[in-house]
Protein backbone atom coordinates (compact mmCIF):
# COMPACT_ATOMS: atom_id res chain seq x y z
CA MET A 1 87.19 112.36 71.47
CA LEU A 2 87.43 111.82 75.23
CA LYS A 3 88.01 115.10 77.07
CA ALA A 4 87.07 114.51 80.70
CA ILE A 5 86.85 111.73 83.27
CA PHE A 6 84.39 111.74 86.16
CA PHE A 7 85.41 109.80 89.27
CA ASP A 8 83.36 108.57 92.18
CA LEU A 9 85.10 109.09 95.55
CA ASP A 10 84.14 106.43 98.12
CA ASP A 11 85.52 102.96 97.39
CA THR A 12 86.81 104.19 94.04
CA LEU A 13 89.63 106.55 95.08
CA LEU A 14 89.18 106.44 98.85
CA TRP A 15 88.88 103.05 100.56
CA ASP A 16 85.89 104.05 102.65
CA LYS A 17 84.88 100.52 103.67
CA LYS A 18 88.31 100.00 105.19
CA SER A 19 88.06 103.33 107.02
CA ILE A 20 84.73 102.34 108.56
CA LYS A 21 85.95 98.83 109.42
CA THR A 22 89.09 100.23 111.05
CA SER A 23 87.07 102.78 113.02
CA PHE A 24 84.80 100.02 114.35
CA GLU A 25 87.83 97.92 115.27
CA LYS A 26 89.50 100.81 117.13
CA THR A 27 86.31 101.68 119.01
CA CYS A 28 85.42 98.10 119.86
CA ARG A 29 88.98 97.42 121.07
CA PHE A 30 88.67 100.47 123.33
CA ALA A 31 85.36 99.06 124.63
CA GLU A 32 86.98 95.68 125.17
CA GLN A 33 89.85 97.22 127.14
CA THR A 34 87.61 99.40 129.30
CA SER A 35 84.75 96.99 129.97
CA GLY A 36 85.66 93.52 128.68
CA VAL A 37 82.97 93.36 125.96
CA ASN A 38 83.48 91.03 122.99
CA CYS A 39 84.88 93.14 120.16
CA ARG A 40 83.43 91.22 117.20
CA GLU A 41 80.00 90.81 118.79
CA LEU A 42 79.82 94.53 119.58
CA GLU A 43 80.68 95.60 116.02
CA GLU A 44 78.01 93.33 114.56
CA ALA A 45 75.47 94.52 117.12
CA VAL A 46 76.18 98.22 116.53
CA ARG A 47 76.07 97.82 112.75
CA LEU A 48 72.65 96.16 113.09
CA GLU A 49 71.35 98.70 115.62
CA ALA A 50 72.58 101.65 113.54
CA SER A 51 71.03 100.31 110.32
CA THR A 52 67.70 99.62 112.04
CA LEU A 53 67.57 103.02 113.72
CA TYR A 54 68.68 104.89 110.60
CA SER A 55 65.87 103.49 108.49
CA SER A 56 63.28 104.46 111.13
CA TYR A 57 63.89 108.22 110.89
CA GLU A 58 61.81 110.57 108.73
CA THR A 59 65.06 111.64 107.04
CA TYR A 60 65.66 108.14 105.66
CA PRO A 61 64.17 108.75 102.16
CA PHE A 62 66.33 111.88 101.85
CA THR A 63 69.49 109.99 102.87
CA GLN A 64 68.67 107.32 100.29
CA MET A 65 68.26 109.94 97.55
CA ILE A 66 71.45 111.82 98.48
CA GLY A 67 73.42 108.65 99.23
CA ILE A 68 74.37 108.82 102.93
CA ASN A 69 74.67 105.44 104.62
CA PRO A 70 74.08 104.57 108.31
CA PHE A 71 77.80 104.37 109.11
CA GLU A 72 78.43 107.85 107.75
CA GLY A 73 75.66 108.92 110.10
CA LEU A 74 77.77 107.59 112.97
CA TRP A 75 80.37 110.35 112.49
CA GLY A 76 78.65 113.11 110.53
CA THR A 77 77.57 116.47 111.98
CA PHE A 78 75.58 117.52 108.85
CA ASP A 79 76.34 121.23 109.06
CA ASP A 80 74.80 121.62 105.62
CA GLU A 81 72.18 123.87 104.09
CA GLY A 82 68.56 122.77 103.70
CA GLU A 83 65.70 121.58 105.90
CA ASP A 84 66.54 117.90 105.57
CA PHE A 85 70.11 118.46 106.69
CA LYS A 86 68.88 120.58 109.61
CA LYS A 87 66.77 117.61 110.72
CA MET A 88 69.76 115.28 110.33
CA LYS A 89 71.94 117.66 112.35
CA MET A 90 69.37 117.56 115.16
CA LEU A 91 69.03 113.76 115.01
CA ALA A 92 72.72 112.90 114.68
CA PRO A 93 73.92 113.13 118.32
CA ALA A 94 71.07 110.96 119.64
CA TYR A 95 71.37 108.57 116.69
CA GLN A 96 75.08 108.08 117.32
CA GLN A 97 74.59 107.53 121.06
CA ARG A 98 71.59 105.25 120.62
CA SER A 99 73.41 103.13 118.03
CA TRP A 100 76.21 102.35 120.46
CA THR A 101 74.02 102.10 123.56
CA GLY A 102 71.56 99.88 121.69
CA GLY A 103 74.41 97.80 120.28
CA LEU A 104 75.69 97.19 123.80
CA GLN A 105 72.18 96.21 124.90
CA ARG A 106 71.97 93.70 122.05
CA ILE A 107 74.94 91.85 123.59
CA GLY A 108 73.53 92.09 127.12
CA ILE A 109 75.22 95.26 128.43
CA ASP A 110 73.03 98.08 129.73
CA ASN A 111 75.49 100.96 130.05
CA PRO A 112 74.36 104.26 128.45
CA ALA A 113 77.44 106.09 129.78
CA LEU A 114 79.72 103.65 127.94
CA GLY A 115 77.53 103.91 124.84
CA ASN A 116 77.92 107.70 124.81
CA GLN A 117 81.68 107.36 125.31
CA LEU A 118 81.97 104.91 122.40
CA ALA A 119 79.86 107.14 120.13
CA ALA A 120 82.31 110.01 120.68
CA TYR A 121 85.32 107.70 120.33
CA PHE A 122 84.09 106.39 116.95
CA VAL A 123 83.85 109.92 115.51
CA GLU A 124 87.51 110.59 116.32
CA ALA A 125 88.54 107.10 115.19
CA ARG A 126 86.97 107.69 111.78
CA LYS A 127 88.63 111.08 111.35
CA SER A 128 92.00 109.50 112.06
CA SER A 129 91.48 106.52 109.72
CA PRO A 130 91.62 107.74 106.11
CA PHE A 131 92.67 105.16 103.53
CA VAL A 132 93.46 105.82 99.88
CA TYR A 133 93.96 102.96 97.41
CA GLU A 134 97.67 102.53 96.74
CA GLU A 135 97.29 103.24 93.01
CA THR A 136 95.04 106.33 93.31
CA TYR A 137 97.72 109.01 93.15
CA ARG A 138 99.73 107.23 90.44
CA VAL A 139 96.66 107.07 88.23
CA LEU A 140 95.61 110.67 88.83
CA ASP A 141 99.17 111.84 88.18
CA ARG A 142 99.12 110.17 84.77
CA LEU A 143 95.64 111.42 83.87
CA LYS A 144 95.90 115.03 85.00
CA PRO A 145 98.04 116.35 82.08
CA HIS A 146 95.73 114.83 79.46
CA TYR A 147 92.13 115.07 80.72
CA GLN A 148 89.94 117.36 82.73
CA LEU A 149 88.87 115.60 85.92
CA LEU A 150 85.70 115.92 87.96
CA LEU A 151 84.84 114.29 91.28
CA LEU A 152 81.18 113.22 91.39
CA THR A 153 80.29 111.97 94.84
CA ASN A 154 77.11 111.19 96.75
CA GLY A 155 76.82 112.38 100.32
CA SER A 156 76.66 115.26 102.77
CA PRO A 157 78.91 118.18 101.77
CA GLN A 158 80.18 118.35 105.37
CA LEU A 159 81.15 114.68 105.37
CA GLN A 160 82.58 114.50 101.86
CA ASN A 161 84.59 117.68 102.39
CA THR A 162 85.88 116.28 105.68
CA LYS A 163 87.06 113.16 103.80
CA LEU A 164 88.85 115.41 101.30
CA LYS A 165 90.32 117.51 104.13
CA ILE A 166 91.88 114.46 105.81
CA THR A 167 93.26 113.26 102.45
CA PRO A 168 94.35 116.71 101.17
CA GLU A 169 96.29 115.36 98.18
CA ILE A 170 93.13 114.33 96.28
CA ALA A 171 91.15 117.54 95.66
CA PRO A 172 93.89 119.44 93.76
CA TYR A 173 93.73 116.90 90.93
CA PHE A 174 90.13 117.88 90.16
CA ASP A 175 88.82 120.80 88.13
CA HIS A 176 85.43 120.46 89.84
CA VAL A 177 83.93 118.63 92.81
CA VAL A 178 80.20 117.88 92.66
CA ILE A 179 78.56 116.61 95.87
CA SER A 180 74.99 115.30 95.74
CA GLY A 181 73.94 116.95 99.02
CA ALA A 182 74.87 120.37 97.63
CA PHE A 183 73.19 119.69 94.27
CA GLY A 184 69.96 118.33 95.80
CA LYS A 185 69.86 114.96 94.04
CA GLY A 186 72.26 112.02 94.07
CA LYS A 187 73.49 109.40 91.67
CA PRO A 188 71.90 107.56 89.86
CA ASP A 189 69.63 110.53 89.00
CA PRO A 190 70.72 111.59 85.49
CA GLU A 191 70.27 115.25 86.47
CA ILE A 192 73.42 115.27 88.59
CA PHE A 193 75.37 113.80 85.67
CA HIS A 194 73.96 116.48 83.33
CA TYR A 195 74.94 119.10 85.90
CA ALA A 196 78.47 117.68 86.01
CA LEU A 197 78.65 117.82 82.18
CA SER A 198 77.56 121.46 82.30
CA LYS A 199 80.62 122.29 84.40
CA PHE A 200 82.73 121.73 81.27
CA GLY A 201 80.15 122.25 78.56
CA TYR A 202 80.97 118.81 77.15
CA ALA A 203 78.67 116.34 75.44
CA ALA A 204 78.04 112.99 77.12
CA GLU A 205 80.16 111.11 74.56
CA GLU A 206 83.21 113.24 75.48
CA VAL A 207 83.21 111.95 79.07
CA LEU A 208 83.86 108.70 80.94
CA MET A 209 82.49 107.85 84.41
CA VAL A 210 84.57 105.65 86.74
CA GLY A 211 82.93 104.19 89.84
CA ASP A 212 82.51 101.11 92.02
CA ASN A 213 78.73 101.08 92.39
CA LEU A 214 76.55 99.62 89.66
CA LEU A 215 73.35 101.00 91.23
CA THR A 216 74.55 104.61 91.37
CA ASP A 217 77.65 105.32 89.27
CA ILE A 218 77.09 102.93 86.39
CA ILE A 219 73.34 103.03 85.80
CA GLY A 220 73.29 106.80 86.37
CA ALA A 221 76.00 107.34 83.77
CA GLU A 222 74.19 105.03 81.35
CA GLN A 223 70.93 106.96 81.76
CA ALA A 224 72.79 110.19 81.06
CA GLY A 225 74.38 108.73 77.91
CA ILE A 226 77.88 108.61 79.44
CA ARG A 227 80.17 105.62 78.98
CA SER A 228 81.05 103.94 82.25
CA VAL A 229 83.90 102.01 83.82
CA TRP A 230 82.97 99.73 86.71
CA ILE A 231 85.86 99.15 89.08
CA ASN A 232 85.06 95.75 90.50
CA ARG A 233 87.86 95.18 93.00
CA GLU A 234 85.85 92.61 94.98
CA GLU A 235 85.09 90.53 91.87
CA LYS A 236 81.34 90.78 92.35
CA ALA A 237 79.06 88.86 90.02
CA PRO A 238 77.70 90.81 87.05
CA HIS A 239 74.27 92.40 87.37
CA GLU A 240 71.41 91.00 85.30
CA THR A 241 70.44 94.29 83.72
CA ILE A 242 73.10 96.91 84.54
CA VAL A 243 75.99 96.47 82.14
CA PRO A 244 78.94 98.90 82.28
CA SER A 245 80.73 99.95 79.11
CA TYR A 246 83.92 98.53 80.65
CA GLU A 247 84.87 96.55 83.74
CA ILE A 248 88.22 96.69 85.52
CA ARG A 249 89.74 95.20 88.69
CA HIS A 250 92.35 97.90 89.35
CA LEU A 251 92.43 101.63 88.54
CA GLU A 252 95.54 101.22 86.41
CA ASP A 253 93.48 98.98 84.10
CA LEU A 254 91.97 102.27 82.87
CA PHE A 255 94.94 103.03 80.64
CA PRO A 256 94.39 100.30 78.02
CA ILE A 257 90.76 101.50 77.77
CA LEU A 258 91.88 105.10 77.25
CA GLU A 259 94.31 104.02 74.53
CA GLU A 260 91.47 102.17 72.82
CA LEU A 261 89.25 105.27 72.99
């Protein structure tokens, strides 16, 4: 019998990609207005510069394990416990400034002062750009009376809690929130799924995992013996070896599955 549902956060309940895209658009428009730079070129250049820089730091393997991407690094402060987070906290201000300054240089503009201004602007733009999928609250409202709910998210506790703070309606639906940076390992490591199960004392077959990422949510659940639901809003092609228990296009497609179970 199904007793609990685990949900991923980013791009499952929260539309994180849209938040990042909107934050880039706001910041690049500000750059365009203040200095005449090409908005689209600057976004592409900063995304490339940030990704290149991010992978060059000694903290990169840790961010890969915990699940913190380069664009989260552009607005995170990483006020979290642990040596790796302390290093990230020290690196973050320079990383953010260098990403924007370097992005400007990639399109032929050498203006560190503007780069620093844009780095700060992006942080505020991201905080003011939360997006929740239109069906998220409807689905959680229907589920809450019947199942225990757990949020299982990769990332920095500071960042993930900030996301929950700026969308305050989400957290109250959940009996537990498990964040990889606080646990010490991220999805797809089966240990974090076992830890999440221990919060309820349930067996793997009594739980369902819902997430958008085959390489973290779905394979991790599979390795922990938990049935999985892949929410494939973008209609991505199936993976050769990672096969979810179920595939849906919209969160409300969960309900026929739950009736079947």
